[in-house]
């Protein structure tokens, strides 16, 4: 059975790390009105390959996007560090943090999963700012959760366009892009080959749904695995 879902979900970030914005409690996700399918009993369609790009890591070093979207099952989202939408950054942060803890404790998944966050406002979210954010969120954990930014807005726009990520773009008096702001974020599930297999909306940003999809991809990559 093929299942396709198109989603729009929350942004992912610690709001206190930029502009001194106050963090807020995460909002409550919509109630799941169905029972998630058992891992391995369905297929996730191949939606699109992720095109390569050059971004910056937490140290300001160039990193190929392909290096963090292949080799592991990846959950990728865009963020900005001063988001305070209760159903945006705080909600996504809490959801993914809880998922991280469950993935680390799951021998089926082990070290085969990573999370990647890409700032959609590189003007504000410099490598130093992103490093502070990632350090706070990753403190005490060895899980592979990467946080990237771009050298500037023009370098980021092709990545946003490739993944169909909606943003509003501020321009200067000559029409040159200066800053992007992101409100309607998506969470992309990417398989080990670098192909997007799901794009989650807020309604589907449920840990059980996402974990079952991740386990399904893990079983696809290694048919000897069995669901727990």
N, C-alpha and C. Protein backbone atom coordinates (compact mmCIF):
# COMPACT_ATOMS: atom_id res chain seq x y z
N UNK A 1 0.85 -1.18 0.00
CA UNK A 1 0.00 0.00 0.00
C UNK A 1 0.89 1.23 0.00
N UNK A 2 0.61 2.18 -0.90
CA UNK A 2 1.37 3.41 -0.95
C UNK A 2 0.65 4.47 -0.14
N UNK A 3 1.38 5.18 0.66
CA UNK A 3 0.77 6.25 1.42
C UNK A 3 1.50 7.53 1.09
N UNK A 4 0.80 8.53 0.73
CA UNK A 4 1.43 9.82 0.50
C UNK A 4 0.79 10.84 1.43
N UNK A 5 1.61 11.72 1.96
CA UNK A 5 1.09 12.77 2.81
C UNK A 5 1.91 14.01 2.57
N UNK A 6 1.25 15.13 2.50
CA UNK A 6 1.96 16.39 2.36
C UNK A 6 1.67 17.22 3.59
N UNK A 7 2.72 17.76 4.17
CA UNK A 7 2.55 18.38 5.47
C UNK A 7 3.12 19.78 5.55
N UNK A 8 2.66 20.50 6.60
CA UNK A 8 3.27 21.77 6.94
C UNK A 8 3.42 21.78 8.42
N UNK A 9 4.58 21.92 8.97
CA UNK A 9 4.72 21.77 10.40
C UNK A 9 5.50 22.91 10.98
N UNK A 10 5.78 22.84 12.16
CA UNK A 10 6.30 23.89 12.97
C UNK A 10 7.78 24.09 12.82
N UNK A 11 8.23 25.25 13.14
CA UNK A 11 9.66 25.46 13.13
C UNK A 11 10.24 25.02 14.44
N UNK A 12 11.56 24.86 14.44
CA UNK A 12 12.23 24.05 15.43
C UNK A 12 13.27 24.90 16.11
N UNK A 13 13.09 25.58 17.19
CA UNK A 13 14.22 26.31 17.72
C UNK A 13 14.03 26.87 19.13
N UNK A 14 15.15 27.15 19.77
CA UNK A 14 15.13 27.71 21.11
C UNK A 14 15.01 29.22 20.97
N UNK A 15 13.90 29.78 21.41
CA UNK A 15 13.61 31.18 21.12
C UNK A 15 14.45 32.15 21.92
N UNK A 16 15.08 31.71 22.96
CA UNK A 16 15.85 32.63 23.80
C UNK A 16 17.22 32.91 23.22
N UNK A 17 17.61 32.28 22.15
CA UNK A 17 18.97 32.41 21.66
C UNK A 17 19.16 33.57 20.70
N UNK A 18 18.09 34.21 20.27
CA UNK A 18 18.25 35.35 19.38
C UNK A 18 17.25 36.43 19.77
N UNK A 19 17.68 37.67 19.68
CA UNK A 19 16.84 38.83 19.95
C UNK A 19 16.31 38.83 21.37
N UNK A 20 16.76 37.93 22.24
CA UNK A 20 16.27 37.90 23.60
C UNK A 20 14.81 37.53 23.70
N UNK A 21 14.28 36.89 22.68
CA UNK A 21 12.85 36.53 22.71
C UNK A 21 12.58 35.53 23.81
N UNK A 22 11.44 35.68 24.44
CA UNK A 22 11.08 34.76 25.51
C UNK A 22 10.54 33.47 24.93
N UNK A 23 10.99 32.36 25.45
CA UNK A 23 10.46 31.07 25.00
C UNK A 23 9.05 30.91 25.53
N UNK A 24 8.28 30.08 24.85
CA UNK A 24 6.92 29.84 25.28
C UNK A 24 6.69 28.35 25.35
N UNK A 25 5.65 27.97 26.07
CA UNK A 25 5.35 26.55 26.18
C UNK A 25 4.83 26.04 24.85
N UNK A 26 5.16 24.79 24.49
CA UNK A 26 4.66 24.24 23.24
C UNK A 26 3.16 24.09 23.25
N UNK A 27 2.55 24.29 22.09
CA UNK A 27 1.13 24.08 21.96
C UNK A 27 0.82 22.60 21.87
N UNK A 28 -0.44 22.28 21.94
CA UNK A 28 -0.87 20.90 21.84
C UNK A 28 -1.18 20.55 20.40
N UNK A 29 -0.65 19.44 19.93
CA UNK A 29 -0.91 19.00 18.56
C UNK A 29 -2.35 18.53 18.43
N UNK A 30 -2.87 18.59 17.19
CA UNK A 30 -4.21 18.02 16.98
C UNK A 30 -4.23 16.55 17.37
N UNK A 31 -5.35 16.11 17.89
CA UNK A 31 -5.46 14.72 18.32
C UNK A 31 -5.43 13.79 17.11
N UNK A 32 -4.69 12.70 17.24
CA UNK A 32 -4.65 11.71 16.17
C UNK A 32 -5.97 10.97 16.11
N UNK A 33 -6.62 10.99 14.95
CA UNK A 33 -7.93 10.40 14.80
C UNK A 33 -7.88 9.00 14.18
N UNK A 34 -6.71 8.42 14.14
CA UNK A 34 -6.57 7.09 13.56
C UNK A 34 -5.43 6.37 14.25
N UNK A 35 -5.37 5.07 14.06
CA UNK A 35 -4.28 4.27 14.62
C UNK A 35 -3.17 4.15 13.58
N UNK A 36 -1.95 4.59 13.89
CA UNK A 36 -0.87 4.50 12.91
C UNK A 36 -0.64 3.06 12.45
N UNK A 37 -0.32 2.91 11.18
CA UNK A 37 -0.06 1.58 10.64
C UNK A 37 1.20 0.99 11.26
N UNK A 38 1.23 -0.32 11.36
CA UNK A 38 2.39 -1.01 11.91
C UNK A 38 3.58 -0.86 10.98
N UNK A 39 4.77 -0.59 11.52
CA UNK A 39 5.95 -0.45 10.67
C UNK A 39 6.15 -1.67 9.77
N UNK A 40 6.54 -1.42 8.54
CA UNK A 40 6.82 -2.50 7.61
C UNK A 40 5.61 -3.05 6.89
N UNK A 41 4.40 -2.58 7.22
CA UNK A 41 3.19 -3.07 6.56
C UNK A 41 2.75 -2.15 5.42
N UNK A 42 3.52 -1.11 5.14
CA UNK A 42 3.18 -0.17 4.08
C UNK A 42 4.47 0.37 3.47
N UNK A 43 4.33 1.05 2.35
CA UNK A 43 5.45 1.70 1.69
C UNK A 43 5.28 3.20 1.70
N UNK A 44 6.40 3.90 1.74
CA UNK A 44 6.42 5.34 1.60
C UNK A 44 6.93 5.66 0.20
N UNK A 45 6.18 6.44 -0.54
CA UNK A 45 6.56 6.71 -1.92
C UNK A 45 7.81 7.58 -1.97
N UNK A 46 8.56 7.47 -3.06
CA UNK A 46 9.71 8.33 -3.31
C UNK A 46 9.18 9.64 -3.88
N UNK A 47 9.35 10.72 -3.15
CA UNK A 47 8.80 12.01 -3.56
C UNK A 47 9.77 12.78 -4.45
N UNK A 48 11.00 12.95 -3.99
CA UNK A 48 12.00 13.67 -4.79
C UNK A 48 13.37 13.51 -4.14
N UNK A 49 14.44 13.53 -4.96
CA UNK A 49 15.78 13.56 -4.38
C UNK A 49 16.09 14.96 -3.86
N UNK A 50 16.92 15.02 -2.83
CA UNK A 50 17.35 16.32 -2.30
C UNK A 50 18.57 16.77 -3.08
N UNK A 51 18.47 17.93 -3.72
CA UNK A 51 19.61 18.45 -4.47
C UNK A 51 20.71 18.90 -3.51
N UNK A 52 21.95 18.78 -3.95
CA UNK A 52 23.07 19.17 -3.11
C UNK A 52 23.20 20.69 -3.07
N UNK A 53 23.81 21.18 -2.03
CA UNK A 53 24.06 22.61 -1.86
C UNK A 53 25.19 22.76 -0.85
N UNK A 54 25.77 23.94 -0.79
CA UNK A 54 26.82 24.23 0.19
C UNK A 54 26.24 25.14 1.26
N UNK A 55 26.25 24.65 2.51
CA UNK A 55 25.78 25.43 3.65
C UNK A 55 26.94 25.61 4.63
N UNK A 56 26.66 26.14 5.80
CA UNK A 56 27.68 26.34 6.82
C UNK A 56 27.29 25.58 8.07
N UNK A 57 28.27 24.93 8.70
CA UNK A 57 27.98 24.23 9.94
C UNK A 57 28.13 25.19 11.12
N UNK A 58 28.05 24.62 12.33
CA UNK A 58 28.07 25.43 13.54
C UNK A 58 29.39 26.16 13.75
N UNK A 59 30.44 25.72 13.06
CA UNK A 59 31.75 26.38 13.18
C UNK A 59 32.01 27.35 12.03
N UNK A 60 31.03 27.50 11.13
CA UNK A 60 31.21 28.36 9.97
C UNK A 60 31.94 27.69 8.83
N UNK A 61 32.12 26.36 8.92
CA UNK A 61 32.80 25.61 7.88
C UNK A 61 31.81 25.17 6.81
N UNK A 62 32.20 25.22 5.52
CA UNK A 62 31.30 24.76 4.46
C UNK A 62 30.98 23.28 4.63
N UNK A 63 29.74 22.92 4.39
CA UNK A 63 29.33 21.52 4.46
C UNK A 63 28.38 21.25 3.30
N UNK A 64 28.58 20.13 2.63
CA UNK A 64 27.68 19.74 1.55
C UNK A 64 26.38 19.23 2.16
N UNK A 65 25.26 19.71 1.65
CA UNK A 65 23.98 19.24 2.16
C UNK A 65 23.86 17.72 2.01
N UNK A 66 24.38 17.19 0.91
CA UNK A 66 24.30 15.75 0.68
C UNK A 66 24.99 14.96 1.79
N UNK A 67 25.99 15.55 2.43
CA UNK A 67 26.72 14.84 3.49
C UNK A 67 25.85 14.60 4.71
N UNK A 68 24.78 15.40 4.87
CA UNK A 68 23.91 15.24 6.04
C UNK A 68 22.50 14.81 5.65
N UNK A 69 22.32 14.39 4.39
CA UNK A 69 21.01 13.86 3.97
C UNK A 69 21.15 12.48 3.33
N UNK A 70 22.32 11.88 3.42
CA UNK A 70 22.52 10.52 2.93
C UNK A 70 23.25 9.71 3.99
N UNK A 71 23.16 8.38 3.87
CA UNK A 71 23.88 7.50 4.79
C UNK A 71 23.11 7.17 6.06
N UNK A 72 22.13 7.98 6.40
CA UNK A 72 21.25 7.72 7.53
C UNK A 72 19.84 8.14 7.15
N UNK A 73 18.86 7.66 7.89
CA UNK A 73 17.50 8.18 7.76
C UNK A 73 17.48 9.54 8.44
N UNK A 74 16.98 10.54 7.74
CA UNK A 74 17.11 11.92 8.21
C UNK A 74 15.75 12.60 8.32
N UNK A 75 15.53 13.29 9.43
CA UNK A 75 14.42 14.22 9.57
C UNK A 75 14.99 15.63 9.44
N UNK A 76 14.55 16.37 8.43
CA UNK A 76 15.09 17.69 8.15
C UNK A 76 13.99 18.73 8.30
N UNK A 77 14.30 19.81 8.97
CA UNK A 77 13.36 20.92 9.09
C UNK A 77 14.11 22.23 8.99
N UNK A 78 13.38 23.28 8.64
CA UNK A 78 13.92 24.63 8.65
C UNK A 78 13.47 25.33 9.92
N UNK A 79 14.27 26.29 10.37
CA UNK A 79 13.96 26.96 11.62
C UNK A 79 14.50 28.38 11.61
N UNK A 80 14.08 29.19 12.54
CA UNK A 80 14.81 30.40 12.89
C UNK A 80 14.77 30.53 14.41
N UNK A 81 15.83 31.09 14.95
CA UNK A 81 16.07 30.94 16.38
C UNK A 81 15.22 31.81 17.28
N UNK A 82 14.41 32.70 16.71
CA UNK A 82 13.58 33.56 17.56
C UNK A 82 12.09 33.30 17.35
N UNK A 83 11.76 32.15 16.80
CA UNK A 83 10.36 31.77 16.63
C UNK A 83 9.72 31.52 17.99
N UNK A 84 8.54 32.08 18.22
CA UNK A 84 7.84 31.88 19.49
C UNK A 84 6.40 31.40 19.27
N UNK A 85 6.09 30.94 18.09
CA UNK A 85 4.75 30.42 17.80
C UNK A 85 4.53 29.14 18.62
N UNK A 86 3.51 29.08 19.48
CA UNK A 86 3.30 27.89 20.31
C UNK A 86 3.15 26.60 19.51
N UNK A 87 2.63 26.70 18.30
CA UNK A 87 2.53 25.52 17.44
C UNK A 87 3.61 25.54 16.37
N UNK A 88 4.68 26.27 16.65
CA UNK A 88 5.81 26.34 15.75
C UNK A 88 7.05 25.80 16.43
N UNK A 89 7.99 26.69 16.68
CA UNK A 89 9.29 26.28 17.23
C UNK A 89 9.19 25.47 18.53
N UNK A 90 8.51 25.98 19.55
CA UNK A 90 8.49 25.22 20.80
C UNK A 90 7.87 23.84 20.64
N UNK A 91 6.79 23.74 19.87
CA UNK A 91 6.14 22.45 19.68
C UNK A 91 7.06 21.48 18.93
N UNK A 92 7.68 21.95 17.83
CA UNK A 92 8.57 21.08 17.07
C UNK A 92 9.78 20.67 17.88
N UNK A 93 10.32 21.61 18.66
CA UNK A 93 11.49 21.29 19.48
C UNK A 93 11.17 20.18 20.47
N UNK A 94 10.02 20.31 21.17
CA UNK A 94 9.65 19.29 22.15
C UNK A 94 9.36 17.95 21.47
N UNK A 95 8.69 17.99 20.34
CA UNK A 95 8.35 16.75 19.63
C UNK A 95 9.61 16.02 19.20
N UNK A 96 10.54 16.74 18.58
CA UNK A 96 11.75 16.09 18.09
C UNK A 96 12.67 15.67 19.24
N UNK A 97 12.69 16.44 20.31
CA UNK A 97 13.52 16.05 21.46
C UNK A 97 13.03 14.73 22.06
N UNK A 98 11.71 14.58 22.17
CA UNK A 98 11.17 13.33 22.70
C UNK A 98 11.43 12.18 21.74
N UNK A 99 11.31 12.43 20.45
CA UNK A 99 11.61 11.40 19.47
C UNK A 99 13.07 10.98 19.54
N UNK A 100 13.96 11.95 19.71
CA UNK A 100 15.38 11.64 19.83
C UNK A 100 15.63 10.66 20.97
N UNK A 101 15.02 10.89 22.10
CA UNK A 101 15.24 10.02 23.25
C UNK A 101 14.75 8.60 22.96
N UNK A 102 13.64 8.48 22.27
CA UNK A 102 13.11 7.15 21.94
C UNK A 102 13.96 6.46 20.89
N UNK A 103 14.46 7.22 19.93
CA UNK A 103 15.31 6.63 18.88
C UNK A 103 16.61 6.11 19.49
N UNK A 104 17.22 6.89 20.36
CA UNK A 104 18.47 6.47 20.99
C UNK A 104 18.28 5.18 21.77
N UNK A 105 17.10 5.01 22.37
CA UNK A 105 16.83 3.81 23.19
C UNK A 105 16.34 2.63 22.37
N UNK A 106 16.17 2.79 21.07
CA UNK A 106 15.60 1.74 20.22
C UNK A 106 16.70 0.99 19.48
N UNK A 107 16.95 -0.28 19.80
CA UNK A 107 18.02 -1.02 19.13
C UNK A 107 17.76 -1.24 17.65
N UNK A 108 16.50 -1.17 17.21
CA UNK A 108 16.21 -1.30 15.79
C UNK A 108 16.79 -0.13 15.00
N UNK A 109 16.78 1.05 15.61
CA UNK A 109 17.24 2.24 14.92
C UNK A 109 18.68 2.59 15.24
N UNK A 110 19.05 2.39 16.50
CA UNK A 110 20.43 2.63 16.90
C UNK A 110 20.96 3.97 16.43
N UNK A 111 22.04 3.91 15.69
CA UNK A 111 22.69 5.12 15.19
C UNK A 111 22.38 5.36 13.72
N UNK A 112 21.25 4.87 13.26
CA UNK A 112 20.93 4.97 11.83
C UNK A 112 20.05 6.16 11.49
N UNK A 113 19.79 7.04 12.46
CA UNK A 113 18.91 8.18 12.26
C UNK A 113 19.62 9.46 12.66
N UNK A 114 19.36 10.53 11.93
CA UNK A 114 19.85 11.85 12.31
C UNK A 114 18.73 12.88 12.12
N UNK A 115 18.86 14.01 12.80
CA UNK A 115 18.01 15.17 12.57
C UNK A 115 18.88 16.28 12.02
N UNK A 116 18.33 17.09 11.13
CA UNK A 116 19.04 18.24 10.57
C UNK A 116 18.11 19.45 10.61
N UNK A 117 18.59 20.54 11.18
CA UNK A 117 17.87 21.80 11.16
C UNK A 117 18.65 22.81 10.34
N UNK A 118 17.97 23.51 9.43
CA UNK A 118 18.59 24.53 8.59
C UNK A 118 17.90 25.85 8.88
N UNK A 119 18.67 26.86 9.28
CA UNK A 119 18.07 28.16 9.55
C UNK A 119 17.56 28.77 8.25
N UNK A 120 16.34 29.31 8.31
CA UNK A 120 15.80 30.01 7.16
C UNK A 120 16.02 31.52 7.28
N UNK A 121 16.81 31.95 8.26
CA UNK A 121 17.18 33.37 8.38
C UNK A 121 18.67 33.50 8.67
N UNK A 122 19.51 33.25 7.65
CA UNK A 122 20.96 33.31 7.89
C UNK A 122 21.47 34.70 8.24
N UNK A 123 20.67 35.74 7.96
CA UNK A 123 21.09 37.09 8.32
C UNK A 123 21.23 37.22 9.84
N UNK A 124 20.29 36.65 10.56
CA UNK A 124 20.33 36.66 12.03
C UNK A 124 21.04 35.44 12.59
N UNK A 125 20.74 34.29 12.02
CA UNK A 125 21.27 33.03 12.56
C UNK A 125 22.63 32.72 11.95
N UNK A 126 23.62 33.42 12.46
CA UNK A 126 25.01 33.19 12.05
C UNK A 126 25.48 31.85 12.62
N UNK A 127 26.62 31.34 12.15
CA UNK A 127 27.12 30.09 12.72
C UNK A 127 27.26 30.14 14.24
N UNK A 128 27.68 31.27 14.79
CA UNK A 128 27.82 31.37 16.25
C UNK A 128 26.48 31.24 16.95
N UNK A 129 25.45 31.89 16.41
CA UNK A 129 24.11 31.80 17.00
C UNK A 129 23.58 30.37 16.91
N UNK A 130 23.77 29.75 15.73
CA UNK A 130 23.30 28.38 15.53
C UNK A 130 24.06 27.42 16.46
N UNK A 131 25.35 27.68 16.67
CA UNK A 131 26.14 26.82 17.56
C UNK A 131 25.61 26.90 18.99
N UNK A 132 25.25 28.09 19.44
CA UNK A 132 24.70 28.22 20.79
C UNK A 132 23.37 27.48 20.91
N UNK A 133 22.55 27.63 19.92
CA UNK A 133 21.25 26.93 19.92
C UNK A 133 21.42 25.43 19.93
N UNK A 134 22.24 24.93 19.01
CA UNK A 134 22.45 23.49 18.93
C UNK A 134 23.10 22.93 20.17
N UNK A 135 24.03 23.69 20.73
CA UNK A 135 24.69 23.23 21.94
C UNK A 135 23.74 23.08 23.10
N UNK A 136 22.80 24.03 23.22
CA UNK A 136 21.82 23.95 24.30
C UNK A 136 20.90 22.76 24.11
N UNK A 137 20.49 22.50 22.89
CA UNK A 137 19.55 21.42 22.63
C UNK A 137 20.22 20.05 22.69
N UNK A 138 21.49 20.00 22.35
CA UNK A 138 22.21 18.72 22.31
C UNK A 138 22.95 18.40 23.60
N UNK A 139 22.92 19.29 24.56
CA UNK A 139 23.71 19.10 25.79
C UNK A 139 23.37 17.76 26.45
N UNK A 140 24.41 16.96 26.68
CA UNK A 140 24.22 15.68 27.34
C UNK A 140 23.78 14.56 26.43
N UNK A 141 23.70 14.81 25.12
CA UNK A 141 23.25 13.77 24.19
C UNK A 141 24.30 13.57 23.10
N UNK A 142 24.47 12.32 22.69
CA UNK A 142 25.40 12.00 21.60
C UNK A 142 24.66 11.79 20.29
N UNK A 143 23.37 12.05 20.27
CA UNK A 143 22.57 11.86 19.07
C UNK A 143 23.03 12.81 17.96
N UNK A 144 22.93 12.35 16.72
CA UNK A 144 23.39 13.11 15.56
C UNK A 144 22.31 14.12 15.14
N UNK A 145 22.35 15.29 15.76
CA UNK A 145 21.40 16.36 15.45
C UNK A 145 22.22 17.56 15.00
N UNK A 146 22.18 17.87 13.71
CA UNK A 146 23.00 18.91 13.12
C UNK A 146 22.19 20.18 12.90
N UNK A 147 22.87 21.33 13.03
CA UNK A 147 22.24 22.62 12.82
C UNK A 147 23.09 23.43 11.86
N UNK A 148 22.48 23.84 10.75
CA UNK A 148 23.21 24.50 9.68
C UNK A 148 22.59 25.86 9.40
N UNK A 149 23.38 26.71 8.75
CA UNK A 149 22.89 27.98 8.25
C UNK A 149 23.52 28.18 6.88
N UNK A 150 23.32 29.35 6.30
CA UNK A 150 23.89 29.64 4.98
C UNK A 150 24.74 30.91 5.08
N UNK A 151 25.59 31.09 4.09
CA UNK A 151 26.44 32.28 4.09
C UNK A 151 25.61 33.55 3.93
N UNK A 152 24.50 33.44 3.20
CA UNK A 152 23.63 34.59 2.96
C UNK A 152 22.31 34.07 2.40
N UNK A 153 21.36 34.97 2.22
CA UNK A 153 20.05 34.58 1.72
C UNK A 153 20.12 34.00 0.31
N UNK A 154 20.85 34.62 -0.63
CA UNK A 154 20.92 34.03 -1.98
C UNK A 154 21.44 32.60 -1.99
N UNK A 155 22.33 32.26 -1.07
CA UNK A 155 22.84 30.88 -1.01
C UNK A 155 21.80 29.91 -0.47
N UNK A 156 20.86 30.43 0.32
CA UNK A 156 19.82 29.58 0.91
C UNK A 156 18.64 29.36 -0.02
N UNK A 157 18.30 30.35 -0.82
CA UNK A 157 17.09 30.29 -1.63
C UNK A 157 16.98 29.04 -2.51
N UNK A 158 18.06 28.58 -3.17
CA UNK A 158 17.92 27.35 -3.98
C UNK A 158 17.51 26.13 -3.16
N UNK A 159 17.96 26.05 -1.91
CA UNK A 159 17.59 24.94 -1.04
C UNK A 159 16.11 25.01 -0.71
N UNK A 160 15.64 26.19 -0.38
CA UNK A 160 14.22 26.38 -0.08
C UNK A 160 13.36 26.06 -1.30
N UNK A 161 13.80 26.53 -2.46
CA UNK A 161 13.04 26.29 -3.69
C UNK A 161 13.00 24.81 -4.03
N UNK A 162 14.12 24.12 -3.86
CA UNK A 162 14.19 22.70 -4.19
C UNK A 162 13.21 21.89 -3.37
N UNK A 163 13.10 22.20 -2.09
CA UNK A 163 12.24 21.43 -1.20
C UNK A 163 10.82 22.01 -1.12
N UNK A 164 10.56 23.09 -1.84
CA UNK A 164 9.22 23.66 -1.82
C UNK A 164 8.87 24.28 -0.49
N UNK A 165 9.87 24.86 0.15
CA UNK A 165 9.67 25.47 1.46
C UNK A 165 9.23 26.92 1.31
N UNK A 166 8.01 27.23 1.72
CA UNK A 166 7.48 28.59 1.59
C UNK A 166 8.12 29.51 2.61
N UNK A 167 8.58 30.68 2.14
CA UNK A 167 9.12 31.71 3.02
C UNK A 167 8.70 33.06 2.48
N UNK A 168 8.76 34.07 3.33
CA UNK A 168 8.64 35.44 2.87
C UNK A 168 10.05 36.02 2.81
N UNK A 169 10.36 36.73 1.73
CA UNK A 169 11.71 37.24 1.51
C UNK A 169 11.70 38.76 1.51
N UNK A 170 12.47 39.36 2.40
CA UNK A 170 12.65 40.81 2.40
C UNK A 170 13.71 41.18 1.38
N UNK A 171 13.50 42.29 0.69
CA UNK A 171 14.48 42.75 -0.31
C UNK A 171 14.87 44.19 0.00
N UNK A 172 16.05 44.60 -0.51
CA UNK A 172 16.49 45.99 -0.33
C UNK A 172 15.90 46.87 -1.43
N UNK A 173 16.32 48.12 -1.48
CA UNK A 173 15.72 49.06 -2.44
C UNK A 173 16.10 48.75 -3.87
N UNK A 174 17.03 47.81 -4.07
CA UNK A 174 17.40 47.38 -5.41
C UNK A 174 16.82 46.02 -5.75
N UNK A 175 15.95 45.51 -4.88
CA UNK A 175 15.30 44.23 -5.14
C UNK A 175 16.14 43.02 -4.80
N UNK A 176 17.24 43.21 -4.09
CA UNK A 176 18.10 42.08 -3.72
C UNK A 176 17.63 41.47 -2.41
N UNK A 177 17.56 40.13 -2.34
CA UNK A 177 17.09 39.49 -1.10
C UNK A 177 18.04 39.75 0.06
N UNK A 178 17.48 40.13 1.19
CA UNK A 178 18.29 40.45 2.36
C UNK A 178 18.00 39.55 3.56
N UNK A 179 16.79 39.01 3.59
CA UNK A 179 16.41 38.23 4.76
C UNK A 179 15.20 37.38 4.44
N UNK A 180 15.13 36.20 5.01
CA UNK A 180 13.93 35.37 4.87
C UNK A 180 13.33 35.12 6.24
N UNK A 181 12.02 35.06 6.29
CA UNK A 181 11.31 34.70 7.52
C UNK A 181 10.40 33.53 7.21
N UNK A 182 10.30 32.65 8.13
CA UNK A 182 9.60 31.39 7.88
C UNK A 182 8.55 31.16 8.94
N UNK A 183 7.35 30.90 8.50
CA UNK A 183 6.28 30.65 9.47
C UNK A 183 5.62 29.29 9.27
N UNK A 184 5.44 28.87 8.03
CA UNK A 184 4.78 27.61 7.74
C UNK A 184 5.85 26.58 7.38
N UNK A 185 6.37 25.89 8.37
CA UNK A 185 7.50 25.00 8.15
C UNK A 185 7.05 23.58 7.82
N UNK A 186 7.94 22.88 7.18
CA UNK A 186 7.70 21.48 6.85
C UNK A 186 8.78 20.61 7.48
N UNK A 187 8.45 19.38 7.74
CA UNK A 187 9.41 18.41 8.25
C UNK A 187 9.53 17.30 7.22
N UNK A 188 10.74 17.10 6.73
CA UNK A 188 10.99 16.17 5.63
C UNK A 188 11.64 14.89 6.15
N UNK A 189 11.08 13.75 5.78
CA UNK A 189 11.67 12.45 6.09
C UNK A 189 12.44 11.99 4.86
N UNK A 190 13.73 11.78 5.02
CA UNK A 190 14.63 11.48 3.91
C UNK A 190 15.29 10.12 4.15
N UNK A 191 15.29 9.26 3.13
CA UNK A 191 15.89 7.94 3.31
C UNK A 191 17.41 7.99 3.15
N UNK A 192 18.06 6.86 3.30
CA UNK A 192 19.52 6.81 3.31
C UNK A 192 20.14 7.22 1.98
N UNK A 193 19.38 7.13 0.91
CA UNK A 193 19.90 7.51 -0.41
C UNK A 193 19.72 8.99 -0.70
N UNK A 194 19.07 9.73 0.19
CA UNK A 194 18.88 11.15 -0.01
C UNK A 194 17.60 11.50 -0.73
N UNK A 195 16.59 10.63 -0.65
CA UNK A 195 15.30 10.86 -1.29
C UNK A 195 14.24 11.18 -0.25
N UNK A 196 13.48 12.24 -0.49
CA UNK A 196 12.38 12.60 0.41
C UNK A 196 11.28 11.55 0.28
N UNK A 197 10.86 11.00 1.42
CA UNK A 197 9.83 9.95 1.42
C UNK A 197 8.53 10.40 2.10
N UNK A 198 8.60 11.44 2.92
CA UNK A 198 7.41 12.01 3.54
C UNK A 198 7.66 13.48 3.85
N UNK A 199 6.58 14.26 3.90
CA UNK A 199 6.62 15.67 4.27
C UNK A 199 5.45 15.88 5.22
N UNK A 200 5.74 16.17 6.48
CA UNK A 200 4.69 16.14 7.50
C UNK A 200 4.05 17.50 7.75
N UNK A 201 2.72 17.52 7.78
CA UNK A 201 1.99 18.68 8.28
C UNK A 201 1.88 18.59 9.80
N UNK A 202 1.39 19.66 10.38
CA UNK A 202 1.20 19.66 11.84
C UNK A 202 0.32 18.51 12.28
N UNK A 203 -0.72 18.21 11.49
CA UNK A 203 -1.63 17.13 11.85
C UNK A 203 -0.92 15.78 11.92
N UNK A 204 0.15 15.62 11.15
CA UNK A 204 0.87 14.35 11.13
C UNK A 204 2.19 14.42 11.89
N UNK A 205 2.46 15.54 12.55
CA UNK A 205 3.69 15.66 13.31
C UNK A 205 3.47 15.00 14.67
N UNK A 206 3.20 13.71 14.63
CA UNK A 206 2.92 12.90 15.81
C UNK A 206 4.05 11.88 15.97
N UNK A 207 4.64 11.77 17.16
CA UNK A 207 5.77 10.87 17.33
C UNK A 207 5.52 9.45 16.84
N UNK A 208 4.35 8.88 17.13
CA UNK A 208 4.11 7.49 16.73
C UNK A 208 4.07 7.35 15.22
N UNK A 209 3.45 8.32 14.54
CA UNK A 209 3.40 8.28 13.08
C UNK A 209 4.81 8.37 12.51
N UNK A 210 5.58 9.33 12.98
CA UNK A 210 6.91 9.55 12.44
C UNK A 210 7.86 8.40 12.78
N UNK A 211 7.77 7.89 14.00
CA UNK A 211 8.63 6.76 14.38
C UNK A 211 8.29 5.52 13.56
N UNK A 212 7.02 5.27 13.30
CA UNK A 212 6.66 4.12 12.48
C UNK A 212 7.17 4.28 11.05
N UNK A 213 7.15 5.52 10.54
CA UNK A 213 7.70 5.75 9.21
C UNK A 213 9.21 5.54 9.19
N UNK A 214 9.88 6.01 10.22
CA UNK A 214 11.33 5.81 10.31
C UNK A 214 11.66 4.32 10.38
N UNK A 215 10.91 3.59 11.21
CA UNK A 215 11.15 2.14 11.32
C UNK A 215 10.86 1.44 9.99
N UNK A 216 9.84 1.91 9.27
CA UNK A 216 9.53 1.32 7.97
C UNK A 216 10.70 1.50 7.01
N UNK A 217 11.31 2.69 7.00
CA UNK A 217 12.47 2.91 6.14
C UNK A 217 13.67 2.07 6.58
N UNK A 218 13.84 1.92 7.90
CA UNK A 218 14.94 1.08 8.39
C UNK A 218 14.75 -0.36 7.95
N UNK A 219 13.54 -0.86 7.99
CA UNK A 219 13.25 -2.23 7.57
C UNK A 219 13.38 -2.37 6.05
N UNK A 220 13.06 -1.33 5.32
CA UNK A 220 13.23 -1.35 3.87
C UNK A 220 14.70 -1.48 3.51
N UNK A 221 15.55 -0.74 4.24
CA UNK A 221 16.99 -0.78 3.98
C UNK A 221 17.60 -2.10 4.43
N UNK A 222 17.02 -2.74 5.44
CA UNK A 222 17.53 -4.00 5.95
C UNK A 222 16.35 -4.93 6.21
N UNK A 223 15.94 -5.72 5.21
CA UNK A 223 14.76 -6.57 5.35
C UNK A 223 14.83 -7.59 6.48
N UNK A 224 16.02 -7.81 7.02
CA UNK A 224 16.15 -8.78 8.12
C UNK A 224 15.64 -8.21 9.43
N UNK A 225 15.47 -6.89 9.48
CA UNK A 225 14.95 -6.28 10.70
C UNK A 225 13.47 -6.58 10.82
N UNK A 226 13.00 -6.66 12.03
CA UNK A 226 11.58 -6.84 12.28
C UNK A 226 11.11 -5.74 13.21
N UNK A 227 9.89 -5.35 13.05
CA UNK A 227 9.34 -4.26 13.87
C UNK A 227 9.19 -4.72 15.31
N UNK A 228 9.30 -3.76 16.21
CA UNK A 228 9.10 -4.04 17.63
C UNK A 228 7.70 -3.63 18.04
